[in-house]
Protein backbone atom coordinates (compact mmCIF):
# COMPACT_ATOMS: atom_id res chain seq x y z
CA UNK A 1 22.07 17.80 -17.95
CA UNK A 2 19.98 17.06 -21.18
CA UNK A 3 16.36 19.10 -21.51
CA UNK A 4 14.31 16.46 -23.07
CA UNK A 5 10.78 17.41 -24.15
CA UNK A 6 8.38 14.84 -23.00
CA UNK A 7 9.32 11.99 -21.00
CA UNK A 8 11.49 9.11 -20.87
CA UNK A 9 10.82 5.62 -20.23
CA UNK A 10 13.03 3.10 -18.61
CA UNK A 11 12.19 -0.68 -17.01
CA UNK A 12 12.62 0.03 -13.02
CA UNK A 13 13.52 2.26 -10.53
CA UNK A 14 17.40 1.70 -10.74
CA UNK A 15 17.15 2.90 -14.28
CA UNK A 16 15.44 5.83 -13.27
CA UNK A 17 17.77 6.56 -10.29
CA UNK A 18 20.59 6.63 -12.99
CA UNK A 19 18.76 8.45 -16.06
CA UNK A 20 18.05 11.45 -13.15
CA UNK A 21 21.84 12.43 -13.32
CA UNK A 22 21.40 12.90 -16.97
CA UNK A 23 18.24 14.47 -17.87
CA UNK A 24 15.66 17.26 -16.48
CA UNK A 25 12.39 15.41 -17.50
CA UNK A 26 9.96 13.23 -16.23
CA UNK A 27 11.05 9.65 -16.17
CA UNK A 28 8.40 7.00 -16.32
CA UNK A 29 9.14 3.51 -15.29
CA UNK A 30 7.28 0.50 -16.77
CA UNK A 31 7.97 -1.66 -13.86
CA UNK A 32 9.50 -4.35 -16.30
CA UNK A 33 6.26 -6.33 -17.59
CA UNK A 34 3.85 -4.52 -15.32
CA UNK A 35 3.30 -2.30 -17.95
CA UNK A 36 1.40 -4.87 -19.78
CA UNK A 37 -1.06 -4.76 -16.74
CA UNK A 38 -0.86 -1.21 -15.76
CA UNK A 39 -3.95 0.92 -17.09
CA UNK A 40 -2.18 3.69 -15.26
CA UNK A 41 1.02 3.35 -17.16
CA UNK A 42 -0.45 2.80 -19.93
CA UNK A 43 -2.52 6.21 -19.92
CA UNK A 44 0.23 8.23 -19.01
CA UNK A 45 2.44 7.05 -21.81
CA UNK A 46 -0.26 7.95 -24.13
CA UNK A 47 -0.61 11.10 -22.70
CA UNK A 48 3.09 12.00 -22.88
CA UNK A 49 3.20 10.68 -26.37
CA UNK A 50 0.72 13.12 -27.24
CA UNK A 51 2.20 16.18 -25.55
CA UNK A 52 5.45 16.15 -25.64
CA UNK A 53 6.53 12.57 -26.79
CA UNK A 54 8.21 9.92 -25.31
CA UNK A 55 11.77 8.61 -25.67
CA UNK A 56 11.93 4.78 -24.75
CA UNK A 57 15.22 3.60 -23.24
CA UNK A 58 15.07 0.13 -22.11
CA UNK A 59 17.78 -2.92 -21.55
CA UNK A 60 19.34 -4.31 -25.07
CA UNK A 61 17.97 -7.56 -23.74
CA UNK A 62 14.99 -9.62 -25.07
CA UNK A 63 12.78 -8.46 -22.05
CA UNK A 64 13.85 -4.92 -23.23
CA UNK A 65 12.72 -5.32 -26.73
CA UNK A 66 9.52 -6.87 -25.76
CA UNK A 67 8.71 -3.77 -23.26
CA UNK A 68 9.69 -1.53 -26.35
CA UNK A 69 7.59 -3.55 -28.81
CA UNK A 70 4.68 -3.23 -26.54
CA UNK A 71 4.66 0.60 -26.18
CA UNK A 72 5.19 1.13 -29.92
CA UNK A 73 1.81 -1.00 -29.68
CA UNK A 74 -0.38 0.82 -27.45
CA UNK A 75 0.94 4.18 -28.87
CA UNK A 76 -1.17 5.19 -31.31
CA UNK A 77 -0.76 8.80 -31.34
CA UNK A 78 2.01 11.46 -30.89
CA UNK A 79 5.73 10.77 -30.93
CA UNK A 80 7.53 7.94 -29.78
CA UNK A 81 11.48 7.88 -29.55
CA UNK A 82 13.71 4.89 -29.28
CA UNK A 83 16.89 5.71 -27.82
CA UNK A 84 19.19 2.21 -28.03
CA UNK A 85 22.09 1.49 -25.53
CA UNK A 86 24.82 -0.67 -27.14
CA UNK A 87 25.36 -4.18 -26.16
CA UNK A 88 27.81 -3.71 -23.34
CA UNK A 89 28.53 -6.97 -21.52
CA UNK A 90 29.25 -7.01 -17.74
CA UNK A 91 27.72 -6.96 -14.34
CA UNK A 92 25.79 -4.01 -12.75
CA UNK A 93 27.59 -3.41 -9.39
CA UNK A 94 24.49 -4.17 -6.97
CA UNK A 95 24.09 -7.37 -8.25
CA UNK A 96 25.79 -10.34 -7.71
CA UNK A 97 25.78 -12.18 -10.99
CA UNK A 98 25.22 -10.90 -14.41
CA UNK A 99 22.00 -10.73 -16.33
CA UNK A 100 21.16 -13.90 -18.21
CA UNK A 101 22.47 -12.60 -21.59
CA UNK A 102 25.41 -10.75 -19.61
CA UNK A 103 24.72 -7.15 -20.86
CA UNK A 104 24.26 -4.32 -18.86
CA UNK A 105 21.33 -2.53 -18.63
CA UNK A 106 20.34 1.34 -18.46
CA UNK A 107 21.32 1.25 -14.32
CA UNK A 108 24.86 0.00 -15.59
CA UNK A 109 25.94 2.23 -18.69
CA UNK A 110 28.04 5.05 -18.29
CA UNK A 111 26.38 8.48 -17.98
CA UNK A 112 28.22 9.77 -20.90
CA UNK A 113 27.15 6.86 -23.18
CA UNK A 114 23.58 7.45 -21.58
CA UNK A 115 24.05 11.04 -23.07
CA UNK A 116 24.94 10.10 -26.29
CA UNK A 117 22.45 7.69 -26.64
CA UNK A 118 19.43 9.98 -26.09
CA UNK A 119 21.16 12.52 -28.36
CA UNK A 120 21.50 10.17 -31.22
CA UNK A 121 17.61 9.21 -30.29
CA UNK A 122 16.96 13.00 -30.97
CA UNK A 123 16.02 13.27 -27.48
CA UNK A 124 17.66 16.37 -26.96
CA UNK A 125 15.24 18.14 -29.57
CA UNK A 126 17.60 18.78 -32.51
CA UNK A 127 15.91 18.44 -35.75
CA UNK A 128 17.77 18.52 -39.29
CA UNK A 129 15.96 20.05 -42.18
CA UNK A 130 15.88 18.44 -45.57
CA UNK A 131 17.90 15.24 -44.30
CA UNK A 132 17.93 12.54 -47.05
CA UNK A 133 16.36 9.65 -45.26
CA UNK A 134 17.60 6.19 -44.90
CA UNK A 135 14.97 3.53 -46.36
CA UNK A 136 14.61 -0.30 -46.41
CA UNK A 137 15.77 -0.17 -50.28
CA UNK A 138 18.92 1.31 -49.43
CA UNK A 139 19.74 -1.40 -46.65
CA UNK A 140 18.77 -3.63 -49.58
CA UNK A 141 20.74 -2.29 -52.32
CA UNK A 142 23.66 -2.10 -49.67
CA UNK A 143 23.26 -5.91 -49.02
CA UNK A 144 21.89 -5.46 -44.90
CA UNK A 145 18.56 -6.91 -45.98
CA UNK A 146 16.98 -9.61 -47.87
CA UNK A 147 20.15 -10.97 -49.16
CA UNK A 148 21.96 -14.23 -48.77
CA UNK A 149 24.38 -13.03 -45.96
CA UNK A 150 22.52 -9.79 -45.20
CA UNK A 151 21.98 -10.80 -41.27
CA UNK A 152 25.65 -11.19 -41.13
CA UNK A 153 26.54 -7.71 -42.91
CA UNK A 154 23.68 -6.38 -40.74
CA UNK A 155 25.14 -7.65 -37.57
CA UNK A 156 28.66 -6.37 -38.62
CA UNK A 157 27.07 -2.97 -38.92
CA UNK A 158 24.87 -2.82 -35.66
CA UNK A 159 28.27 -3.84 -33.66
CA UNK A 160 30.50 -1.10 -35.61
CA UNK A 161 27.77 1.47 -34.79
CA UNK A 162 27.66 0.43 -31.23
CA UNK A 163 23.64 -0.63 -31.15
CA UNK A 164 22.38 -3.70 -29.93
CA UNK A 165 22.39 -6.94 -31.57
CA UNK A 166 18.57 -7.44 -30.91
CA UNK A 167 17.80 -4.13 -33.41
CA UNK A 168 15.34 -5.12 -36.00
CA UNK A 169 15.99 -3.67 -39.47
CA UNK A 170 12.64 -1.62 -38.88
CA UNK A 171 14.70 -0.28 -35.80
CA UNK A 172 17.96 -0.05 -37.66
CA UNK A 173 16.00 2.27 -39.89
CA UNK A 174 14.82 3.91 -37.24
CA UNK A 175 17.90 4.80 -35.50
CA UNK A 176 19.72 5.54 -38.76
CA UNK A 177 17.81 8.19 -39.80
CA UNK A 178 17.59 9.85 -36.31
CA UNK A 179 21.07 9.60 -35.40
CA UNK A 180 23.24 9.19 -38.85
CA UNK A 181 23.18 11.31 -42.23
CA UNK A 182 22.99 9.16 -45.26
CA UNK A 183 26.65 10.00 -45.84
CA UNK A 184 27.44 9.08 -42.62
CA UNK A 185 25.58 5.99 -42.97
CA UNK A 186 26.96 5.08 -46.46
CA UNK A 187 30.65 5.55 -44.98
CA UNK A 188 30.08 2.84 -42.13
CA UNK A 189 28.54 0.29 -44.77
CA UNK A 190 31.51 0.90 -47.03
CA UNK A 191 33.84 0.09 -44.09
CA UNK A 192 32.08 -3.29 -43.36
């Protein structure tokens, strides 16, 4: 089990059940889009963000990214980490058919992969001192941002790193700075 300071935020109860096998921390469910209307859930998210931090682990579909963006907007103080599951296509065993986008959600991802995603997000409490951060300028210089074919090159990098295709440029920078060294990033870019 991974010890996580603060809490982890997931979309639903099946995500919570799956994650409870991996972590020993509070797990908050948003009830999907229910977080938009629940003052109690919003208050809880703000409290945990200021008292240990929260790690947001939503599905890699459009709904998951809407919920993630909403949480980022309502939590103004404290620590919010983002853990991303890669785009894995398939169907959860309890469902009759795949999701609209055909991707597995948190509940369908292998527990070893969930551990890896959380560790990459820094949810295990690991910190690196004097780390050279990756910036938007680095992405620009490497042709991943602001160029003619930058979106294609960025998509190739996301696929290579096992990150969701919907990840924004800002989200990519967050993940890179949390999970990779500058040198590892440059090596991945050189292999595109």
